[in-house]
Amino acid sequence: MDLEIRMATESDVPAILPIINYEIANSTAIYDYEPRTFEMQMDWFKKKIEDKMPVIIGVSEAKVIGFATYGIFRPKIAYRFSVEHSIYLAPDTRGKGAGKQLMGTLIDKAQQAGFHTMIAGVDASNQTSYFFHKKLGFVEVARFKEVGYKFDKWLDLVFMQLFLD
């Protein structure tokens, strides 16, 4: 897939919104129930910028097809070298290498920023995401039983970890 990867700008937020809202409505990739409004997504984007956390997008044929970002794993000062990431692709673009390219760029950015480790929170039923992360070198380090509830069922959450240095 011919993919341009670049830092997102505020003008990309309208293209990011349907990607995240698709996942909220149709998957357990994110444990939200309600679709995000434009204002909510813009606030999210501005907070990422304020926190100096990257939001990168993949553009193919002049269309945003996915995005990836990370943030500090937990809010305590001792976690400042650990980040948790998110990556989402438009459903019709999966399996073509865009996710690997976006994650490669995101991992590079985390390394350049001096982070020590990157964590993925993956719904246990999402085997595609689990094996995607495994191929990138992430290792399962924890499995939490029935910590989420969506679509009338309990969800298990897997934490996977990649050391960056």
C-alpha atoms as a PDB file:
ATOM      1  CA  MET A   1       0.000   0.000   0.000  1.00  0.00           C
ATOM      2  CA  ASP A   2       1.287   3.442  -0.933  1.00  0.00           C
ATOM      3  CA  LEU A   3       1.103   5.281   2.367  1.00  0.00           C
ATOM      4  CA  GLU A   4       2.187   8.729   3.477  1.00  0.00           C
ATOM      5  CA  ILE A   5       2.731   8.929   7.223  1.00  0.00           C
ATOM      6  CA  ARG A   6       2.761  12.339   8.851  1.00  0.00           C
ATOM      7  CA  MET A   7       1.891  14.179  12.016  1.00  0.00           C
ATOM      8  CA  ALA A   8      -1.815  14.936  12.258  1.00  0.00           C
ATOM      9  CA  THR A   9      -3.088  18.494  12.370  1.00  0.00           C
ATOM     10  CA  GLU A  10      -6.377  19.905  13.597  1.00  0.00           C
ATOM     11  CA  SER A  11      -7.639  19.748  10.014  1.00  0.00           C
ATOM     12  CA  ASP A  12      -7.277  15.923  10.147  1.00  0.00           C
ATOM     13  CA  VAL A  13      -9.612  15.506  13.124  1.00  0.00           C
ATOM     14  CA  PRO A  14     -12.752  15.247  10.924  1.00  0.00           C
ATOM     15  CA  ALA A  15     -11.128  12.303   9.102  1.00  0.00           C
ATOM     16  CA  ILE A  16     -10.025  10.624  12.349  1.00  0.00           C
ATOM     17  CA  LEU A  17     -13.520  10.845  13.858  1.00  0.00           C
ATOM     18  CA  PRO A  18     -15.307   8.246  11.682  1.00  0.00           C
ATOM     19  CA  ILE A  19     -12.419   5.790  12.143  1.00  0.00           C
ATOM     20  CA  ILE A  20     -12.669   5.888  15.940  1.00  0.00           C
ATOM     21  CA  ASN A  21     -16.468   5.974  15.899  1.00  0.00           C
ATOM     22  CA  TYR A  22     -16.583   2.865  13.697  1.00  0.00           C
ATOM     23  CA  GLU A  23     -14.555   1.004  16.329  1.00  0.00           C
ATOM     24  CA  ILE A  24     -16.733   2.273  19.177  1.00  0.00           C
ATOM     25  CA  ALA A  25     -19.901   1.103  17.418  1.00  0.00           C
ATOM     26  CA  ASN A  26     -18.650  -2.174  15.970  1.00  0.00           C
ATOM     27  CA  SER A  27     -15.791  -3.620  17.983  1.00  0.00           C
ATOM     28  CA  THR A  28     -14.228  -4.230  21.357  1.00  0.00           C
ATOM     29  CA  ALA A  29     -10.993  -2.574  20.232  1.00  0.00           C
ATOM     30  CA  ILE A  30     -12.055   0.361  22.402  1.00  0.00           C
ATOM     31  CA  TYR A  31     -14.221   0.015  25.471  1.00  0.00           C
ATOM     32  CA  ASP A  32     -16.313   3.153  24.876  1.00  0.00           C
ATOM     33  CA  TYR A  33     -20.067   2.888  24.228  1.00  0.00           C
ATOM     34  CA  GLU A  34     -21.042   6.266  22.795  1.00  0.00           C
ATOM     35  CA  PRO A  35     -19.716   7.742  19.551  1.00  0.00           C
ATOM     36  CA  ARG A  36     -17.520  10.775  19.937  1.00  0.00           C
ATOM     37  CA  THR A  37     -18.605  14.168  18.765  1.00  0.00           C
ATOM     38  CA  PHE A  38     -16.356  16.411  16.744  1.00  0.00           C
ATOM     39  CA  GLU A  39     -15.836  18.577  19.816  1.00  0.00           C
ATOM     40  CA  MET A  40     -14.808  15.574  21.932  1.00  0.00           C
ATOM     41  CA  GLN A  41     -12.323  14.416  19.324  1.00  0.00           C
ATOM     42  CA  MET A  42     -10.909  17.915  18.914  1.00  0.00           C
ATOM     43  CA  ASP A  43     -10.471  18.190  22.697  1.00  0.00           C
ATOM     44  CA  TRP A  44      -8.690  14.808  22.641  1.00  0.00           C
ATOM     45  CA  PHE A  45      -6.393  16.025  19.857  1.00  0.00           C
ATOM     46  CA  LYS A  46      -5.589  19.327  21.595  1.00  0.00           C
ATOM     47  CA  LYS A  47      -4.791  17.473  24.832  1.00  0.00           C
ATOM     48  CA  LYS A  48      -2.382  15.181  22.947  1.00  0.00           C
ATOM     49  CA  ILE A  49      -0.614  18.232  21.504  1.00  0.00           C
ATOM     50  CA  GLU A  50      -0.564  19.986  24.885  1.00  0.00           C
ATOM     51  CA  ASP A  51       0.986  16.852  26.439  1.00  0.00           C
ATOM     52  CA  LYS A  52       3.541  16.694  23.592  1.00  0.00           C
ATOM     53  CA  MET A  53       2.273  13.279  22.517  1.00  0.00           C
ATOM     54  CA  PRO A  54       2.278  12.449  18.813  1.00  0.00           C
ATOM     55  CA  VAL A  55      -0.777  11.737  16.721  1.00  0.00           C
ATOM     56  CA  ILE A  56       0.300  10.324  13.385  1.00  0.00           C
ATOM     57  CA  ILE A  57      -1.903   9.542  10.434  1.00  0.00           C
ATOM     58  CA  GLY A  58      -1.623   7.350   7.384  1.00  0.00           C
ATOM     59  CA  VAL A  59      -2.807   8.882   4.125  1.00  0.00           C
ATOM     60  CA  SER A  60      -3.470   6.839   1.003  1.00  0.00           C
ATOM     61  CA  GLU A  61      -4.898   8.295  -2.192  1.00  0.00           C
ATOM     62  CA  ALA A  62      -5.453  11.633  -0.391  1.00  0.00           C
ATOM     63  CA  LYS A  63      -7.591   9.953   2.305  1.00  0.00           C
ATOM     64  CA  VAL A  64      -6.782   9.422   5.999  1.00  0.00           C
ATOM     65  CA  ILE A  65      -6.993   5.661   6.468  1.00  0.00           C
ATOM     66  CA  GLY A  66      -5.689   5.334  10.000  1.00  0.00           C
ATOM     67  CA  PHE A  67      -4.044   6.952  12.979  1.00  0.00           C
ATOM     68  CA  ALA A  68      -1.822   6.045  15.895  1.00  0.00           C
ATOM     69  CA  THR A  69      -0.821   7.771  19.102  1.00  0.00           C
ATOM     70  CA  TYR A  70       0.523   7.146  22.550  1.00  0.00           C
ATOM     71  CA  GLY A  71       0.302   8.676  25.989  1.00  0.00           C
ATOM     72  CA  ILE A  72       1.900   8.151  29.372  1.00  0.00           C
ATOM     73  CA  PHE A  73       0.851   4.732  30.693  1.00  0.00           C
ATOM     74  CA  ARG A  74      -0.407   5.982  34.064  1.00  0.00           C
ATOM     75  CA  PRO A  75      -0.471   9.461  35.627  1.00  0.00           C
ATOM     76  CA  LYS A  76       2.103   8.946  38.407  1.00  0.00           C
ATOM     77  CA  ILE A  77       5.581  10.462  37.887  1.00  0.00           C
ATOM     78  CA  ALA A  78       7.358   7.097  38.069  1.00  0.00           C
ATOM     79  CA  TYR A  79       5.538   5.991  34.884  1.00  0.00           C
ATOM     80  CA  ARG A  80       6.979   8.864  32.815  1.00  0.00           C
ATOM     81  CA  PHE A  81       9.134   6.523  30.690  1.00  0.00           C
ATOM     82  CA  SER A  82       6.273   4.139  29.836  1.00  0.00           C
ATOM     83  CA  VAL A  83       3.668   4.803  27.147  1.00  0.00           C
ATOM     84  CA  GLU A  84       0.484   3.057  26.082  1.00  0.00           C
ATOM     85  CA  HIS A  85      -0.438   3.318  22.440  1.00  0.00           C
ATOM     86  CA  SER A  86      -3.540   3.184  20.274  1.00  0.00           C
ATOM     87  CA  ILE A  87      -3.784   2.406  16.585  1.00  0.00           C
ATOM     88  CA  TYR A  88      -6.913   2.363  14.437  1.00  0.00           C
ATOM     89  CA  LEU A  89      -7.402   1.732  10.725  1.00  0.00           C
ATOM     90  CA  ALA A  90     -10.419   2.198   8.507  1.00  0.00           C
ATOM     91  CA  PRO A  91     -11.955  -1.277   8.094  1.00  0.00           C
ATOM     92  CA  ASP A  92     -11.481  -1.462   4.320  1.00  0.00           C
ATOM     93  CA  THR A  93      -7.726  -0.803   4.589  1.00  0.00           C
ATOM     94  CA  ARG A  94      -6.702  -3.545   7.009  1.00  0.00           C
ATOM     95  CA  GLY A  95      -4.315  -6.319   6.099  1.00  0.00           C
ATOM     96  CA  LYS A  96      -2.392  -4.234   3.558  1.00  0.00           C
ATOM     97  CA  GLY A  97       0.584  -3.170   5.669  1.00  0.00           C
ATOM     98  CA  ALA A  98      -0.601   0.261   6.804  1.00  0.00           C
ATOM     99  CA  GLY A  99      -0.785  -0.771  10.466  1.00  0.00           C
ATOM    100  CA  LYS A 100       2.774  -2.058  10.434  1.00  0.00           C
ATOM    101  CA  GLN A 101       3.986   1.182   8.853  1.00  0.00           C
ATOM    102  CA  LEU A 102       2.095   3.360  11.332  1.00  0.00           C
ATOM    103  CA  MET A 103       3.338   1.334  14.300  1.00  0.00           C
ATOM    104  CA  GLY A 104       6.913   1.396  13.008  1.00  0.00           C
ATOM    105  CA  THR A 105       6.771   5.182  12.865  1.00  0.00           C
ATOM    106  CA  LEU A 106       5.126   5.415  16.285  1.00  0.00           C
ATOM    107  CA  ILE A 107       7.722   3.122  17.866  1.00  0.00           C
ATOM    108  CA  ASP A 108      10.512   5.203  16.294  1.00  0.00           C
ATOM    109  CA  LYS A 109       8.983   8.372  17.749  1.00  0.00           C
ATOM    110  CA  ALA A 110       8.759   6.794  21.205  1.00  0.00           C
ATOM    111  CA  GLN A 111      12.393   5.674  21.019  1.00  0.00           C
ATOM    112  CA  GLN A 112      13.534   9.113  19.875  1.00  0.00           C
ATOM    113  CA  ALA A 113      11.597  10.699  22.744  1.00  0.00           C
ATOM    114  CA  GLY A 114      13.503   8.527  25.229  1.00  0.00           C
ATOM    115  CA  PHE A 115      10.690   6.250  26.366  1.00  0.00           C
ATOM    116  CA  HIS A 116      11.685   2.891  27.831  1.00  0.00           C
ATOM    117  CA  THR A 117       8.663   0.722  27.104  1.00  0.00           C
ATOM    118  CA  MET A 118       5.428   0.711  25.104  1.00  0.00           C
ATOM    119  CA  ILE A 119       2.298  -1.066  26.279  1.00  0.00           C
ATOM    120  CA  ALA A 120      -0.659  -2.321  24.281  1.00  0.00           C
ATOM    121  CA  GLY A 121      -4.035  -2.990  25.862  1.00  0.00           C
ATOM    122  CA  VAL A 122      -5.685  -5.571  23.580  1.00  0.00           C
ATOM    123  CA  ASP A 123      -9.130  -7.082  23.985  1.00  0.00           C
ATOM    124  CA  ALA A 124      -8.526 -10.819  24.412  1.00  0.00           C
ATOM    125  CA  SER A 125     -11.089 -11.690  21.733  1.00  0.00           C
ATOM    126  CA  ASN A 126      -9.252  -9.532  19.153  1.00  0.00           C
ATOM    127  CA  GLN A 127      -6.841 -12.166  17.885  1.00  0.00           C
ATOM    128  CA  THR A 128      -5.923 -10.052  14.850  1.00  0.00           C
ATOM    129  CA  SER A 129      -4.617  -7.274  17.091  1.00  0.00           C
ATOM    130  CA  TYR A 130      -2.960  -9.757  19.439  1.00  0.00           C
ATOM    131  CA  PHE A 131      -0.949 -11.412  16.657  1.00  0.00           C
ATOM    132  CA  PHE A 132      -0.261  -8.059  14.982  1.00  0.00           C
ATOM    133  CA  HIS A 133       1.432  -6.876  18.163  1.00  0.00           C
ATOM    134  CA  LYS A 134       3.231 -10.195  18.621  1.00  0.00           C
ATOM    135  CA  LYS A 135       4.753  -9.847  15.122  1.00  0.00           C
ATOM    136  CA  LEU A 136       6.055  -6.419  16.133  1.00  0.00           C
ATOM    137  CA  GLY A 137       7.832  -7.889  19.162  1.00  0.00           C
ATOM    138  CA  PHE A 138       5.255  -7.195  21.870  1.00  0.00           C
ATOM    139  CA  VAL A 139       5.022  -9.875  24.561  1.00  0.00           C
ATOM    140  CA  GLU A 140       1.966 -10.679  26.670  1.00  0.00           C
ATOM    141  CA  VAL A 141       2.660  -9.655  30.271  1.00  0.00           C
ATOM    142  CA  ALA A 142      -0.796  -9.686  31.892  1.00  0.00           C
ATOM    143  CA  ARG A 143      -4.328 -10.886  31.304  1.00  0.00           C
ATOM    144  CA  PHE A 144      -7.206  -9.357  33.253  1.00  0.00           C
ATOM    145  CA  LYS A 145     -10.427 -11.372  33.348  1.00  0.00           C
ATOM    146  CA  GLU A 146     -13.803  -9.676  32.859  1.00  0.00           C
ATOM    147  CA  VAL A 147     -12.611  -6.093  33.398  1.00  0.00           C
ATOM    148  CA  GLY A 148     -14.744  -4.643  30.595  1.00  0.00           C
ATOM    149  CA  TYR A 149     -18.374  -5.039  29.601  1.00  0.00           C
ATOM    150  CA  LYS A 150     -19.628  -4.273  26.099  1.00  0.00           C
ATOM    151  CA  PHE A 151     -22.173  -5.756  23.701  1.00  0.00           C
ATOM    152  CA  ASP A 152     -23.776  -7.669  26.605  1.00  0.00           C
ATOM    153  CA  LYS A 153     -20.668  -9.671  27.438  1.00  0.00           C
ATOM    154  CA  TRP A 154     -17.689  -9.529  29.782  1.00  0.00           C
ATOM    155  CA  LEU A 155     -14.353  -8.682  28.184  1.00  0.00           C
ATOM    156  CA  ASP A 156     -10.861  -9.809  29.087  1.00  0.00           C
ATOM    157  CA  LEU A 157      -7.991  -7.389  28.584  1.00  0.00           C
ATOM    158  CA  VAL A 158      -4.466  -8.429  27.621  1.00  0.00           C
ATOM    159  CA  PHE A 159      -1.479  -6.174  28.282  1.00  0.00           C
ATOM    160  CA  MET A 160       1.414  -6.605  25.878  1.00  0.00           C
ATOM    161  CA  GLN A 161       4.772  -4.877  26.225  1.00  0.00           C
ATOM    162  CA  LEU A 162       7.647  -3.860  23.964  1.00  0.00           C
ATOM    163  CA  PHE A 163      10.951  -2.571  25.337  1.00  0.00           C
ATOM    164  CA  LEU A 164      12.207   0.365  23.315  1.00  0.00           C
ATOM    165  CA  ASP A 165      15.860   0.712  24.334  1.00  0.00           C
END
